[in-house]
Amino acid sequence: MAIPAEVIEKEAIALPREDKARLVMHLLESIEDRSNLDPRLLEQAWLAEADRRYQAYLRGEEQSIPAEEVFADLRADDH
């Protein structure tokens, strides 16, 4: 007998942040077929996106957030 999705969802929401992230990744991978994806193309796409964001930052179109602030927010969200 299958476990109802509502039960799984309730239990998943109660998981710690890292476990939730890992679960999300596994669920997405189970939905998306990435078998034909070339890892080099994926890496190139991520590098291009990182460069795009960095260039936007240099032009003043994006703001930076100090790491201490980001981690403090993450810790606050975890409690």
C-alpha atoms as a PDB file:
ATOM      1  CA  MET A   1       0.000   0.000   0.000  1.00  0.00           C
ATOM      2  CA  ALA A   2       1.399   3.390  -1.002  1.00  0.00           C
ATOM      3  CA  ILE A   3       1.882   6.111   1.577  1.00  0.00           C
ATOM      4  CA  PRO A   4      -0.388   9.117   0.857  1.00  0.00           C
ATOM      5  CA  ALA A   5       1.501  12.136  -0.548  1.00  0.00           C
ATOM      6  CA  GLU A   6       0.112  14.322   2.253  1.00  0.00           C
ATOM      7  CA  VAL A   7       1.856  12.150   4.855  1.00  0.00           C
ATOM      8  CA  ILE A   8       5.138  12.248   2.969  1.00  0.00           C
ATOM      9  CA  GLU A   9       4.828  16.020   2.517  1.00  0.00           C
ATOM     10  CA  LYS A  10       4.197  16.586   6.231  1.00  0.00           C
ATOM     11  CA  GLU A  11       7.211  14.488   7.176  1.00  0.00           C
ATOM     12  CA  ALA A  12       9.413  16.139   4.530  1.00  0.00           C
ATOM     13  CA  ILE A  13       8.557  19.617   5.817  1.00  0.00           C
ATOM     14  CA  ALA A  14       9.727  18.575   9.282  1.00  0.00           C
ATOM     15  CA  LEU A  15      13.169  17.543   7.993  1.00  0.00           C
ATOM     16  CA  PRO A  16      16.286  19.634   8.659  1.00  0.00           C
ATOM     17  CA  ARG A  17      17.233  22.053   5.860  1.00  0.00           C
ATOM     18  CA  GLU A  18      20.071  19.900   4.458  1.00  0.00           C
ATOM     19  CA  ASP A  19      17.853  16.827   4.264  1.00  0.00           C
ATOM     20  CA  LYS A  20      15.127  18.849   2.536  1.00  0.00           C
ATOM     21  CA  ALA A  21      17.613  20.136  -0.041  1.00  0.00           C
ATOM     22  CA  ARG A  22      18.893  16.622  -0.732  1.00  0.00           C
ATOM     23  CA  LEU A  23      15.320  15.342  -1.064  1.00  0.00           C
ATOM     24  CA  VAL A  24      14.408  18.134  -3.482  1.00  0.00           C
ATOM     25  CA  MET A  25      17.410  17.324  -5.646  1.00  0.00           C
ATOM     26  CA  HIS A  26      16.510  13.631  -5.733  1.00  0.00           C
ATOM     27  CA  LEU A  27      12.898  14.412  -6.600  1.00  0.00           C
ATOM     28  CA  LEU A  28      13.903  16.779  -9.404  1.00  0.00           C
ATOM     29  CA  GLU A  29      16.343  14.237 -10.780  1.00  0.00           C
ATOM     30  CA  SER A  30      13.578  11.627 -10.776  1.00  0.00           C
ATOM     31  CA  ILE A  31      11.380  13.945 -12.866  1.00  0.00           C
ATOM     32  CA  GLU A  32      13.981  15.273 -15.289  1.00  0.00           C
ATOM     33  CA  ASP A  33      15.841  13.012 -17.669  1.00  0.00           C
ATOM     34  CA  ARG A  34      19.420  14.239 -17.580  1.00  0.00           C
ATOM     35  CA  SER A  35      20.957  11.170 -19.158  1.00  0.00           C
ATOM     36  CA  ASN A  36      21.657  12.986 -22.429  1.00  0.00           C
ATOM     37  CA  LEU A  37      23.167  16.050 -20.740  1.00  0.00           C
ATOM     38  CA  ASP A  38      26.848  16.641 -21.436  1.00  0.00           C
ATOM     39  CA  PRO A  39      28.542  17.587 -18.120  1.00  0.00           C
ATOM     40  CA  ARG A  40      30.904  19.941 -19.974  1.00  0.00           C
ATOM     41  CA  LEU A  41      27.968  21.869 -21.453  1.00  0.00           C
ATOM     42  CA  LEU A  42      26.358  22.089 -18.043  1.00  0.00           C
ATOM     43  CA  GLU A  43      29.582  23.433 -16.535  1.00  0.00           C
ATOM     44  CA  GLN A  44      29.899  25.973 -19.370  1.00  0.00           C
ATOM     45  CA  ALA A  45      26.325  27.128 -18.753  1.00  0.00           C
ATOM     46  CA  TRP A  46      27.002  27.614 -15.024  1.00  0.00           C
ATOM     47  CA  LEU A  47      30.224  29.503 -15.770  1.00  0.00           C
ATOM     48  CA  ALA A  48      28.413  31.751 -18.252  1.00  0.00           C
ATOM     49  CA  GLU A  49      25.695  32.465 -15.680  1.00  0.00           C
ATOM     50  CA  ALA A  50      28.269  33.209 -12.970  1.00  0.00           C
ATOM     51  CA  ASP A  51      30.082  35.578 -15.329  1.00  0.00           C
ATOM     52  CA  ARG A  52      26.801  37.258 -16.319  1.00  0.00           C
ATOM     53  CA  ARG A  53      25.991  37.884 -12.652  1.00  0.00           C
ATOM     54  CA  TYR A  54      29.507  39.135 -11.903  1.00  0.00           C
ATOM     55  CA  GLN A  55      29.428  41.549 -14.844  1.00  0.00           C
ATOM     56  CA  ALA A  56      26.021  42.837 -13.676  1.00  0.00           C
ATOM     57  CA  TYR A  57      27.526  43.359 -10.214  1.00  0.00           C
ATOM     58  CA  LEU A  58      30.438  45.319 -11.699  1.00  0.00           C
ATOM     59  CA  ARG A  59      27.994  47.517 -13.630  1.00  0.00           C
ATOM     60  CA  GLY A  60      26.091  48.206 -10.402  1.00  0.00           C
ATOM     61  CA  GLU A  61      23.009  46.282 -11.558  1.00  0.00           C
ATOM     62  CA  GLU A  62      23.339  43.679  -8.792  1.00  0.00           C
ATOM     63  CA  GLN A  63      24.147  44.111  -5.132  1.00  0.00           C
ATOM     64  CA  SER A  64      26.382  41.932  -3.031  1.00  0.00           C
ATOM     65  CA  ILE A  65      25.388  40.607   0.366  1.00  0.00           C
ATOM     66  CA  PRO A  66      28.093  39.987   2.965  1.00  0.00           C
ATOM     67  CA  ALA A  67      28.550  36.276   3.678  1.00  0.00           C
ATOM     68  CA  GLU A  68      28.046  36.885   7.407  1.00  0.00           C
ATOM     69  CA  GLU A  69      24.580  38.287   6.690  1.00  0.00           C
ATOM     70  CA  VAL A  70      23.649  35.415   4.378  1.00  0.00           C
ATOM     71  CA  PHE A  71      24.736  32.783   6.907  1.00  0.00           C
ATOM     72  CA  ALA A  72      23.003  34.599   9.769  1.00  0.00           C
ATOM     73  CA  ASP A  73      19.766  34.626   7.759  1.00  0.00           C
ATOM     74  CA  LEU A  74      20.136  30.930   6.991  1.00  0.00           C
ATOM     75  CA  ARG A  75      20.728  30.116  10.646  1.00  0.00           C
ATOM     76  CA  ALA A  76      17.692  32.197  11.638  1.00  0.00           C
ATOM     77  CA  ASP A  77      15.544  30.352   9.081  1.00  0.00           C
ATOM     78  CA  ASP A  78      16.667  27.019  10.504  1.00  0.00           C
ATOM     79  CA  HIS A  79      15.159  27.777  13.935  1.00  0.00           C
END
